[in-house]
Amino acid sequence: MPTRTDVVEERIKDLEQDLSGLLAALTRDPKRQAWIERFWRALSKASAVAATMAARRMAAKAWRVLTGEPPPSAQR
């Protein structure tokens, strides 16, 4: 059987969670949060595209230096 102290500690933890949830609901704007998430996705996709393009260019230059021929993808 739980002691009175255990029950009080549990209630205080529940109260702490409720208050932190209330604070989050009062201080966070769902529309702004959605905008931030969309912006982050767009930024990460753009950086992935830029990194891919840079890697392909570097690989093409390395192919030309190593073999003296244009890369296979450029021979279409």
Protein backbone atom coordinates (compact mmCIF):
# COMPACT_ATOMS: atom_id res chain seq x y z
CA MET A 1 0.00 0.00 0.00
CA PRO A 2 1.45 3.39 -0.98
CA THR A 3 2.28 5.83 1.74
CA ARG A 4 0.94 9.34 1.96
CA THR A 5 4.29 10.71 0.77
CA ASP A 6 4.17 8.53 -2.36
CA VAL A 7 0.66 9.73 -3.18
CA VAL A 8 1.61 13.37 -2.66
CA GLU A 9 4.70 12.99 -4.86
CA GLU A 10 2.63 11.43 -7.61
CA ARG A 11 0.05 14.22 -7.45
CA ILE A 12 2.79 16.86 -7.58
CA LYS A 13 4.29 15.22 -10.68
CA ASP A 14 0.86 15.17 -12.32
CA LEU A 15 0.38 18.83 -11.49
CA GLU A 16 3.80 19.66 -12.92
CA GLN A 17 2.95 17.92 -16.20
CA ASP A 18 -0.41 19.69 -16.41
CA LEU A 19 1.18 23.09 -15.79
CA SER A 20 3.93 22.52 -18.35
CA GLY A 21 1.29 21.50 -20.89
CA LEU A 22 -0.72 24.62 -20.11
CA LEU A 23 2.36 26.81 -20.50
CA ALA A 24 3.14 25.21 -23.86
CA ALA A 25 -0.44 25.77 -25.04
CA LEU A 26 -0.32 29.41 -24.00
CA THR A 27 3.07 30.27 -25.49
CA ARG A 28 3.19 28.28 -28.75
CA ASP A 29 1.35 29.28 -31.90
CA PRO A 30 0.33 26.20 -33.94
CA LYS A 31 0.34 28.15 -37.22
CA ARG A 32 3.86 29.44 -36.61
CA GLN A 33 5.04 25.97 -35.60
CA ALA A 34 3.61 24.51 -38.83
CA TRP A 35 5.34 27.25 -40.84
CA ILE A 36 8.65 26.53 -39.12
CA GLU A 37 8.33 22.81 -39.87
CA ARG A 38 7.51 23.47 -43.56
CA PHE A 39 10.44 25.89 -43.83
CA TRP A 40 12.80 23.35 -42.25
CA ARG A 41 11.67 20.64 -44.72
CA ALA A 42 12.19 22.98 -47.67
CA LEU A 43 15.61 24.06 -46.42
CA SER A 44 16.77 20.49 -45.88
CA LYS A 45 15.56 19.41 -49.33
CA ALA A 46 17.25 22.38 -50.98
CA SER A 47 20.54 21.64 -49.24
CA ALA A 48 20.30 17.98 -50.27
CA VAL A 49 19.76 18.99 -53.89
CA ALA A 50 22.70 21.41 -53.78
CA ALA A 51 24.96 18.77 -52.22
CA THR A 52 23.95 16.24 -54.87
CA MET A 53 24.67 18.67 -57.69
CA ALA A 54 28.07 19.57 -56.21
CA ALA A 55 28.97 15.90 -55.76
CA ARG A 56 28.06 15.11 -59.37
CA ARG A 57 30.19 18.00 -60.64
CA MET A 58 33.15 16.91 -58.53
CA ALA A 59 32.78 13.31 -59.71
CA ALA A 60 32.66 14.44 -63.33
CA LYS A 61 35.82 16.52 -62.90
CA ALA A 62 37.59 13.66 -61.15
CA TRP A 63 36.55 11.27 -63.95
CA ARG A 64 38.00 13.62 -66.56
CA VAL A 65 41.27 13.98 -64.65
CA LEU A 66 41.64 10.25 -63.97
CA THR A 67 40.60 8.87 -67.38
CA GLY A 68 41.01 11.79 -69.77
CA GLU A 69 37.50 11.10 -71.12
CA PRO A 70 34.17 12.79 -70.49
CA PRO A 71 32.09 11.04 -67.87
CA PRO A 72 29.63 8.39 -69.14
CA SER A 73 26.58 10.46 -68.24
CA ALA A 74 27.80 13.35 -70.39
CA GLN A 75 28.17 11.16 -73.53
CA ARG A 76 24.43 10.98 -74.32
